[in-house]
Amino acid sequence: MSDVEAEISSNFVLVTRKGGFGLPTACPSCLPVYLYLRFANIAFNLLYDVTNPDSDHIPYFEYGYYVAFNNEKGGVIETLKQEGIADLDPKAPNTYFSEWLSTKALINTWLATAIEYEIWVASDSSNACKMYFSDLPWLLAKVLYKKQSQAVKRRLGITDANASEREEEVFVFPHGPTSVDALFLGHALFVLHVLPNGKYDEWDESYDSDVKSDRTNGYYDDFLDDLTNVNVGV
């Protein structure tokens, strides 16, 4: 990297929700942006915004005097591409452009909706509060969780009368799970539960959760370093 490039990249700042669960940011909207920058070998500083936990402008990316917000111009990744900072995506004439486009649509619709549903509707408030509200007073965290949960239910069209029907629609296709759901979950669960053990010796079930978290964190860092071989300022 030249001196000019180094000076430019030193002004790059990615602001996300804070880390947790062995991840640099425990936010499903922030983590893809973090990974995109790592894949693109873009050096940046990572900062956490703990004062606006329920804001939809997080994550945001500061570059010089400009800021790219998550809820503007198609999101941070689209702004990175438009500004010429990082563009990893294929263009229309590419032979696999159509496959890339359909896969992206699947992730941005079904998978994003499924994660949102699990966090704010199907699960109890514990994980959501850890990810978004752990730095706030308990009562305020409960109020914000309730507000966000109701907003997600309205957006997904979930009511007390149709809750069971809407739950089935979280699968890839309507009317319940298919082989596509089984294939995706099979691969995802294998990666999440098995591969970290493959990087290290097997975990003993007697290990407490803190030890497991530390070892998972180490695996995650090694994985990214092996994949991108870049250093990120934090």
C-alpha atoms as a PDB file:
ATOM      1  CA  MET A   1       0.000   0.000   0.000  1.00  0.00           C
ATOM      2  CA  SER A   2       1.373   3.406  -0.998  1.00  0.00           C
ATOM      3  CA  ASP A   3       1.718   6.324   1.419  1.00  0.00           C
ATOM      4  CA  VAL A   4      -1.239   8.040  -0.250  1.00  0.00           C
ATOM      5  CA  GLU A   5      -3.417   4.927   0.042  1.00  0.00           C
ATOM      6  CA  ALA A   6      -2.354   4.451   3.658  1.00  0.00           C
ATOM      7  CA  GLU A   7      -3.279   8.040   4.486  1.00  0.00           C
ATOM      8  CA  ILE A   8      -6.678   7.650   2.821  1.00  0.00           C
ATOM      9  CA  SER A   9      -7.466   4.341   4.514  1.00  0.00           C
ATOM     10  CA  SER A  10      -6.473   5.737   7.915  1.00  0.00           C
ATOM     11  CA  ASN A  11      -9.568   7.935   7.627  1.00  0.00           C
ATOM     12  CA  PHE A  12     -11.860   4.941   7.117  1.00  0.00           C
ATOM     13  CA  VAL A  13     -14.023   4.170  10.148  1.00  0.00           C
ATOM     14  CA  LEU A  14     -16.710   1.494  10.389  1.00  0.00           C
ATOM     15  CA  VAL A  15     -19.189   2.099  13.205  1.00  0.00           C
ATOM     16  CA  THR A  16     -21.215  -0.913  14.297  1.00  0.00           C
ATOM     17  CA  ARG A  17     -23.018  -2.340  17.275  1.00  0.00           C
ATOM     18  CA  LYS A  18     -20.628  -3.870  19.767  1.00  0.00           C
ATOM     19  CA  GLY A  19     -19.162  -7.331  19.574  1.00  0.00           C
ATOM     20  CA  GLY A  20     -20.299 -10.449  21.375  1.00  0.00           C
ATOM     21  CA  PHE A  21     -20.766 -14.221  21.017  1.00  0.00           C
ATOM     22  CA  GLY A  22     -17.199 -14.464  19.730  1.00  0.00           C
ATOM     23  CA  LEU A  23     -17.873 -12.008  16.879  1.00  0.00           C
ATOM     24  CA  PRO A  24     -16.377  -8.542  16.270  1.00  0.00           C
ATOM     25  CA  THR A  25     -19.921  -7.180  16.034  1.00  0.00           C
ATOM     26  CA  ALA A  26     -22.958  -9.127  17.218  1.00  0.00           C
ATOM     27  CA  CYS A  27     -25.295  -7.463  14.753  1.00  0.00           C
ATOM     28  CA  PRO A  28     -26.624  -9.244  11.630  1.00  0.00           C
ATOM     29  CA  SER A  29     -26.717  -5.945   9.731  1.00  0.00           C
ATOM     30  CA  CYS A  30     -23.193  -4.898  10.712  1.00  0.00           C
ATOM     31  CA  LEU A  31     -21.275  -8.154  10.317  1.00  0.00           C
ATOM     32  CA  PRO A  32     -21.681  -8.398   6.506  1.00  0.00           C
ATOM     33  CA  VAL A  33     -20.231  -4.886   6.093  1.00  0.00           C
ATOM     34  CA  TYR A  34     -17.303  -5.778   8.358  1.00  0.00           C
ATOM     35  CA  LEU A  35     -16.632  -8.940   6.339  1.00  0.00           C
ATOM     36  CA  TYR A  36     -16.978  -7.104   3.024  1.00  0.00           C
ATOM     37  CA  LEU A  37     -14.250  -4.651   4.027  1.00  0.00           C
ATOM     38  CA  ARG A  38     -12.023  -7.498   5.197  1.00  0.00           C
ATOM     39  CA  PHE A  39     -12.554  -9.431   1.959  1.00  0.00           C
ATOM     40  CA  ALA A  40     -11.660  -6.266   0.013  1.00  0.00           C
ATOM     41  CA  ASN A  41      -8.439  -5.800   2.033  1.00  0.00           C
ATOM     42  CA  ILE A  42      -9.574  -2.342   3.142  1.00  0.00           C
ATOM     43  CA  ALA A  43      -7.851  -1.126   6.318  1.00  0.00           C
ATOM     44  CA  PHE A  44     -10.231   0.626   8.682  1.00  0.00           C
ATOM     45  CA  ASN A  45     -10.874   1.441  12.304  1.00  0.00           C
ATOM     46  CA  LEU A  46     -13.748  -0.319  14.024  1.00  0.00           C
ATOM     47  CA  LEU A  47     -15.789   1.661  16.537  1.00  0.00           C
ATOM     48  CA  TYR A  48     -18.943   0.818  18.468  1.00  0.00           C
ATOM     49  CA  ASP A  49     -22.031   3.005  18.784  1.00  0.00           C
ATOM     50  CA  VAL A  50     -23.670   2.201  22.132  1.00  0.00           C
ATOM     51  CA  THR A  51     -25.747   5.383  22.380  1.00  0.00           C
ATOM     52  CA  ASN A  52     -28.194   4.633  19.530  1.00  0.00           C
ATOM     53  CA  PRO A  53     -28.879   0.902  19.843  1.00  0.00           C
ATOM     54  CA  ASP A  54     -32.237   0.934  18.063  1.00  0.00           C
ATOM     55  CA  SER A  55     -31.243   3.216  15.198  1.00  0.00           C
ATOM     56  CA  ASP A  56     -31.555   1.866  11.665  1.00  0.00           C
ATOM     57  CA  HIS A  57     -28.640   3.993  10.399  1.00  0.00           C
ATOM     58  CA  ILE A  58     -26.169   1.542  12.010  1.00  0.00           C
ATOM     59  CA  PRO A  59     -23.803   0.369  10.612  1.00  0.00           C
ATOM     60  CA  TYR A  60     -22.284   3.425   9.031  1.00  0.00           C
ATOM     61  CA  PHE A  61     -18.959   4.059   7.335  1.00  0.00           C
ATOM     62  CA  GLU A  62     -16.991   7.287   7.662  1.00  0.00           C
ATOM     63  CA  TYR A  63     -14.651   8.174   4.821  1.00  0.00           C
ATOM     64  CA  GLY A  64     -13.078  11.612   4.998  1.00  0.00           C
ATOM     65  CA  TYR A  65     -15.808  14.215   5.397  1.00  0.00           C
ATOM     66  CA  TYR A  66     -18.523  11.821   4.238  1.00  0.00           C
ATOM     67  CA  VAL A  67     -20.637   9.167   5.959  1.00  0.00           C
ATOM     68  CA  ALA A  68     -22.459   6.215   4.411  1.00  0.00           C
ATOM     69  CA  PHE A  69     -25.450   5.143   6.497  1.00  0.00           C
ATOM     70  CA  ASN A  70     -27.111   1.742   6.481  1.00  0.00           C
ATOM     71  CA  ASN A  71     -30.539   3.221   5.696  1.00  0.00           C
ATOM     72  CA  GLU A  72     -29.473   5.474   2.809  1.00  0.00           C
ATOM     73  CA  LYS A  73     -28.534   4.889  -0.855  1.00  0.00           C
ATOM     74  CA  GLY A  74     -28.939   1.130  -0.666  1.00  0.00           C
ATOM     75  CA  GLY A  75     -26.749   0.685   2.401  1.00  0.00           C
ATOM     76  CA  VAL A  76     -23.061   0.870   3.215  1.00  0.00           C
ATOM     77  CA  ILE A  77     -21.859  -1.792   0.770  1.00  0.00           C
ATOM     78  CA  GLU A  78     -23.623  -0.127  -2.168  1.00  0.00           C
ATOM     79  CA  THR A  79     -22.038   3.206  -1.227  1.00  0.00           C
ATOM     80  CA  LEU A  80     -18.602   1.586  -1.036  1.00  0.00           C
ATOM     81  CA  LYS A  81     -19.107   0.349  -4.588  1.00  0.00           C
ATOM     82  CA  GLN A  82     -20.469   3.650  -5.894  1.00  0.00           C
ATOM     83  CA  GLU A  83     -17.619   5.646  -4.359  1.00  0.00           C
ATOM     84  CA  GLY A  84     -14.986   3.310  -5.788  1.00  0.00           C
ATOM     85  CA  ILE A  85     -13.710   2.277  -2.357  1.00  0.00           C
ATOM     86  CA  ALA A  86     -14.425  -1.443  -2.728  1.00  0.00           C
ATOM     87  CA  ASP A  87     -16.347  -3.382  -5.373  1.00  0.00           C
ATOM     88  CA  LEU A  88     -16.152  -7.160  -5.236  1.00  0.00           C
ATOM     89  CA  ASP A  89     -19.306  -7.951  -7.202  1.00  0.00           C
ATOM     90  CA  PRO A  90     -19.586  -9.302 -10.755  1.00  0.00           C
ATOM     91  CA  LYS A  91     -21.053  -7.186 -13.528  1.00  0.00           C
ATOM     92  CA  ALA A  92     -23.911  -8.114 -15.872  1.00  0.00           C
ATOM     93  CA  PRO A  93     -21.914  -9.771 -18.711  1.00  0.00           C
ATOM     94  CA  ASN A  94     -20.227 -12.110 -16.224  1.00  0.00           C
ATOM     95  CA  THR A  95     -21.160 -15.773 -16.634  1.00  0.00           C
ATOM     96  CA  TYR A  96     -22.233 -16.156 -13.007  1.00  0.00           C
ATOM     97  CA  PHE A  97     -23.938 -12.768 -12.617  1.00  0.00           C
ATOM     98  CA  SER A  98     -27.454 -14.232 -12.645  1.00  0.00           C
ATOM     99  CA  GLU A  99     -26.553 -16.815  -9.996  1.00  0.00           C
ATOM    100  CA  TRP A 100     -24.953 -14.113  -7.859  1.00  0.00           C
ATOM    101  CA  LEU A 101     -28.037 -11.898  -8.209  1.00  0.00           C
ATOM    102  CA  SER A 102     -30.508 -14.639  -7.251  1.00  0.00           C
ATOM    103  CA  THR A 103     -28.376 -15.752  -4.305  1.00  0.00           C
ATOM    104  CA  LYS A 104     -28.103 -12.192  -3.042  1.00  0.00           C
ATOM    105  CA  ALA A 105     -31.876 -11.750  -3.333  1.00  0.00           C
ATOM    106  CA  LEU A 106     -32.429 -14.961  -1.372  1.00  0.00           C
ATOM    107  CA  ILE A 107     -30.141 -13.815   1.444  1.00  0.00           C
ATOM    108  CA  ASN A 108     -31.515 -10.275   1.571  1.00  0.00           C
ATOM    109  CA  THR A 109     -35.123 -11.467   1.685  1.00  0.00           C
ATOM    110  CA  TRP A 110     -35.639 -14.890   3.191  1.00  0.00           C
ATOM    111  CA  LEU A 111     -32.520 -15.204   5.338  1.00  0.00           C
ATOM    112  CA  ALA A 112     -32.628 -11.630   6.649  1.00  0.00           C
ATOM    113  CA  THR A 113     -36.328 -12.017   7.471  1.00  0.00           C
ATOM    114  CA  ALA A 114     -35.734 -15.354   9.193  1.00  0.00           C
ATOM    115  CA  ILE A 115     -32.994 -13.887  11.389  1.00  0.00           C
ATOM    116  CA  GLU A 116     -35.128 -10.857  12.217  1.00  0.00           C
ATOM    117  CA  TYR A 117     -38.024 -13.138  13.133  1.00  0.00           C
ATOM    118  CA  GLU A 118     -35.852 -15.315  15.372  1.00  0.00           C
ATOM    119  CA  ILE A 119     -34.336 -12.339  17.213  1.00  0.00           C
ATOM    120  CA  TRP A 120     -37.460 -10.270  17.803  1.00  0.00           C
ATOM    121  CA  VAL A 121     -40.391 -12.716  17.700  1.00  0.00           C
ATOM    122  CA  ALA A 122     -39.526 -16.387  18.183  1.00  0.00           C
ATOM    123  CA  SER A 123     -36.856 -16.044  20.887  1.00  0.00           C
ATOM    124  CA  ASP A 124     -37.015 -14.511  24.324  1.00  0.00           C
ATOM    125  CA  SER A 125     -35.499 -11.077  24.872  1.00  0.00           C
ATOM    126  CA  SER A 126     -32.139 -12.236  26.235  1.00  0.00           C
ATOM    127  CA  ASN A 127     -30.127 -12.408  22.993  1.00  0.00           C
ATOM    128  CA  ALA A 128     -31.632  -9.220  21.554  1.00  0.00           C
ATOM    129  CA  CYS A 129     -30.869  -7.340  24.761  1.00  0.00           C
ATOM    130  CA  LYS A 130     -27.274  -8.590  24.735  1.00  0.00           C
ATOM    131  CA  MET A 131     -26.811  -7.489  21.131  1.00  0.00           C
ATOM    132  CA  TYR A 132     -28.571  -4.136  21.233  1.00  0.00           C
ATOM    133  CA  PHE A 133     -29.361  -2.899  24.738  1.00  0.00           C
ATOM    134  CA  SER A 134     -26.830  -4.297  27.227  1.00  0.00           C
ATOM    135  CA  ASP A 135     -25.356  -0.847  27.917  1.00  0.00           C
ATOM    136  CA  LEU A 136     -28.742   0.630  28.817  1.00  0.00           C
ATOM    137  CA  PRO A 137     -30.649   0.534  32.112  1.00  0.00           C
ATOM    138  CA  TRP A 138     -32.718  -2.634  32.460  1.00  0.00           C
ATOM    139  CA  LEU A 139     -36.115  -0.932  32.267  1.00  0.00           C
ATOM    140  CA  LEU A 140     -35.200   1.113  29.192  1.00  0.00           C
ATOM    141  CA  ALA A 141     -33.839  -2.007  27.499  1.00  0.00           C
ATOM    142  CA  LYS A 142     -37.122  -3.842  28.099  1.00  0.00           C
ATOM    143  CA  VAL A 143     -39.140  -0.929  26.687  1.00  0.00           C
ATOM    144  CA  LEU A 144     -36.980  -0.673  23.562  1.00  0.00           C
ATOM    145  CA  TYR A 145     -37.103  -4.426  23.038  1.00  0.00           C
ATOM    146  CA  LYS A 146     -40.890  -4.400  23.250  1.00  0.00           C
ATOM    147  CA  LYS A 147     -41.074  -1.494  20.817  1.00  0.00           C
ATOM    148  CA  GLN A 148     -38.786  -3.192  18.297  1.00  0.00           C
ATOM    149  CA  SER A 149     -40.560  -6.535  18.648  1.00  0.00           C
ATOM    150  CA  GLN A 150     -43.914  -4.917  17.891  1.00  0.00           C
ATOM    151  CA  ALA A 151     -42.419  -3.066  14.914  1.00  0.00           C
ATOM    152  CA  VAL A 152     -41.057  -6.324  13.451  1.00  0.00           C
ATOM    153  CA  LYS A 153     -44.411  -8.047  13.936  1.00  0.00           C
ATOM    154  CA  ARG A 154     -46.175  -5.205  12.092  1.00  0.00           C
ATOM    155  CA  ARG A 155     -43.632  -5.312   9.260  1.00  0.00           C
ATOM    156  CA  LEU A 156     -44.026  -9.092   8.902  1.00  0.00           C
ATOM    157  CA  GLY A 157     -47.800  -8.889   9.261  1.00  0.00           C
ATOM    158  CA  ILE A 158     -47.874 -11.029  12.411  1.00  0.00           C
ATOM    159  CA  THR A 159     -50.914 -10.855  14.678  1.00  0.00           C
ATOM    160  CA  ASP A 160     -52.241 -13.095  17.449  1.00  0.00           C
ATOM    161  CA  ALA A 161     -54.689 -14.577  14.938  1.00  0.00           C
ATOM    162  CA  ASN A 162     -52.178 -15.527  12.230  1.00  0.00           C
ATOM    163  CA  ALA A 163     -48.990 -16.101  14.242  1.00  0.00           C
ATOM    164  CA  SER A 164     -48.800 -19.839  13.523  1.00  0.00           C
ATOM    165  CA  GLU A 165     -49.344 -19.335   9.775  1.00  0.00           C
ATOM    166  CA  ARG A 166     -46.719 -16.608   9.562  1.00  0.00           C
ATOM    167  CA  GLU A 167     -44.220 -18.777  11.425  1.00  0.00           C
ATOM    168  CA  GLU A 168     -44.316 -21.316   8.586  1.00  0.00           C
ATOM    169  CA  GLU A 169     -43.633 -18.578   6.026  1.00  0.00           C
ATOM    170  CA  VAL A 170     -40.189 -17.951   7.517  1.00  0.00           C
ATOM    171  CA  PHE A 171     -38.978 -20.942   5.515  1.00  0.00           C
ATOM    172  CA  VAL A 172     -37.477 -20.363   2.049  1.00  0.00           C
ATOM    173  CA  PHE A 173     -40.773 -21.154   0.314  1.00  0.00           C
ATOM    174  CA  PRO A 174     -44.349 -20.754   1.611  1.00  0.00           C
ATOM    175  CA  HIS A 175     -46.294 -23.524   3.326  1.00  0.00           C
ATOM    176  CA  GLY A 176     -43.471 -25.034   5.337  1.00  0.00           C
ATOM    177  CA  PRO A 177     -39.922 -26.367   4.986  1.00  0.00           C
ATOM    178  CA  THR A 178     -38.511 -28.015   1.848  1.00  0.00           C
ATOM    179  CA  SER A 179     -35.265 -29.766   0.942  1.00  0.00           C
ATOM    180  CA  VAL A 180     -33.709 -26.318   0.360  1.00  0.00           C
ATOM    181  CA  ASP A 181     -34.241 -25.475   4.046  1.00  0.00           C
ATOM    182  CA  ALA A 182     -32.742 -28.823   5.059  1.00  0.00           C
ATOM    183  CA  LEU A 183     -29.694 -28.336   2.807  1.00  0.00           C
ATOM    184  CA  PHE A 184     -29.032 -24.808   4.005  1.00  0.00           C
ATOM    185  CA  LEU A 185     -29.495 -25.571   7.702  1.00  0.00           C
ATOM    186  CA  GLY A 186     -27.463 -28.765   7.414  1.00  0.00           C
ATOM    187  CA  HIS A 187     -24.450 -26.912   6.053  1.00  0.00           C
ATOM    188  CA  ALA A 188     -24.866 -23.912   8.350  1.00  0.00           C
ATOM    189  CA  LEU A 189     -25.195 -25.975  11.522  1.00  0.00           C
ATOM    190  CA  PHE A 190     -22.215 -28.127  10.545  1.00  0.00           C
ATOM    191  CA  VAL A 191     -20.036 -25.038  10.094  1.00  0.00           C
ATOM    192  CA  LEU A 192     -21.221 -23.477  13.350  1.00  0.00           C
ATOM    193  CA  HIS A 193     -20.925 -26.556  15.544  1.00  0.00           C
ATOM    194  CA  VAL A 194     -18.179 -28.687  14.010  1.00  0.00           C
ATOM    195  CA  LEU A 195     -15.555 -26.619  12.197  1.00  0.00           C
ATOM    196  CA  PRO A 196     -14.395 -24.585  15.224  1.00  0.00           C
ATOM    197  CA  ASN A 197     -13.525 -27.927  16.828  1.00  0.00           C
ATOM    198  CA  GLY A 198     -11.548 -28.877  13.757  1.00  0.00           C
ATOM    199  CA  LYS A 199      -9.294 -25.839  14.160  1.00  0.00           C
ATOM    200  CA  TYR A 200      -8.424 -26.866  17.710  1.00  0.00           C
ATOM    201  CA  ASP A 201      -8.556 -30.081  19.645  1.00  0.00           C
ATOM    202  CA  GLU A 202     -12.038 -31.193  20.632  1.00  0.00           C
ATOM    203  CA  TRP A 203     -13.897 -29.254  23.300  1.00  0.00           C
ATOM    204  CA  ASP A 204     -14.649 -31.087  26.476  1.00  0.00           C
ATOM    205  CA  GLU A 205     -18.296 -30.735  27.457  1.00  0.00           C
ATOM    206  CA  SER A 206     -17.156 -29.820  30.956  1.00  0.00           C
ATOM    207  CA  TYR A 207     -15.609 -26.589  29.657  1.00  0.00           C
ATOM    208  CA  ASP A 208     -17.599 -23.605  30.787  1.00  0.00           C
ATOM    209  CA  SER A 209     -19.125 -21.149  28.332  1.00  0.00           C
ATOM    210  CA  ASP A 210     -16.405 -18.529  28.849  1.00  0.00           C
ATOM    211  CA  VAL A 211     -13.680 -20.944  27.757  1.00  0.00           C
ATOM    212  CA  LYS A 212     -15.724 -21.963  24.710  1.00  0.00           C
ATOM    213  CA  SER A 213     -16.303 -18.325  23.822  1.00  0.00           C
ATOM    214  CA  ASP A 214     -12.576 -17.556  24.022  1.00  0.00           C
ATOM    215  CA  ARG A 215     -11.693 -20.509  21.818  1.00  0.00           C
ATOM    216  CA  THR A 216     -14.390 -19.651  19.283  1.00  0.00           C
ATOM    217  CA  ASN A 217     -13.152 -16.066  19.214  1.00  0.00           C
ATOM    218  CA  GLY A 218      -9.640 -17.276  18.482  1.00  0.00           C
ATOM    219  CA  TYR A 219     -10.866 -19.519  15.687  1.00  0.00           C
ATOM    220  CA  TYR A 220     -12.804 -16.653  14.138  1.00  0.00           C
ATOM    221  CA  ASP A 221      -9.777 -14.339  14.188  1.00  0.00           C
ATOM    222  CA  ASP A 222      -7.508 -17.020  12.701  1.00  0.00           C
ATOM    223  CA  PHE A 223     -10.074 -17.754   9.998  1.00  0.00           C
ATOM    224  CA  LEU A 224     -10.252 -14.114   8.901  1.00  0.00           C
ATOM    225  CA  ASP A 225      -6.479 -13.675   9.066  1.00  0.00           C
ATOM    226  CA  ASP A 226      -5.958 -16.773   6.924  1.00  0.00           C
ATOM    227  CA  LEU A 227      -8.599 -15.622   4.472  1.00  0.00           C
ATOM    228  CA  THR A 228      -7.668 -11.977   4.067  1.00  0.00           C
ATOM    229  CA  ASN A 229      -4.210 -11.553   5.587  1.00  0.00           C
ATOM    230  CA  VAL A 230      -4.880  -7.936   6.523  1.00  0.00           C
ATOM    231  CA  ASN A 231      -4.824  -6.050   9.798  1.00  0.00           C
ATOM    232  CA  VAL A 232      -7.755  -4.007  10.955  1.00  0.00           C
ATOM    233  CA  GLY A 233      -7.494  -1.119  13.348  1.00  0.00           C
ATOM    234  CA  VAL A 234      -9.895  -1.253  16.276  1.00  0.00           C
END
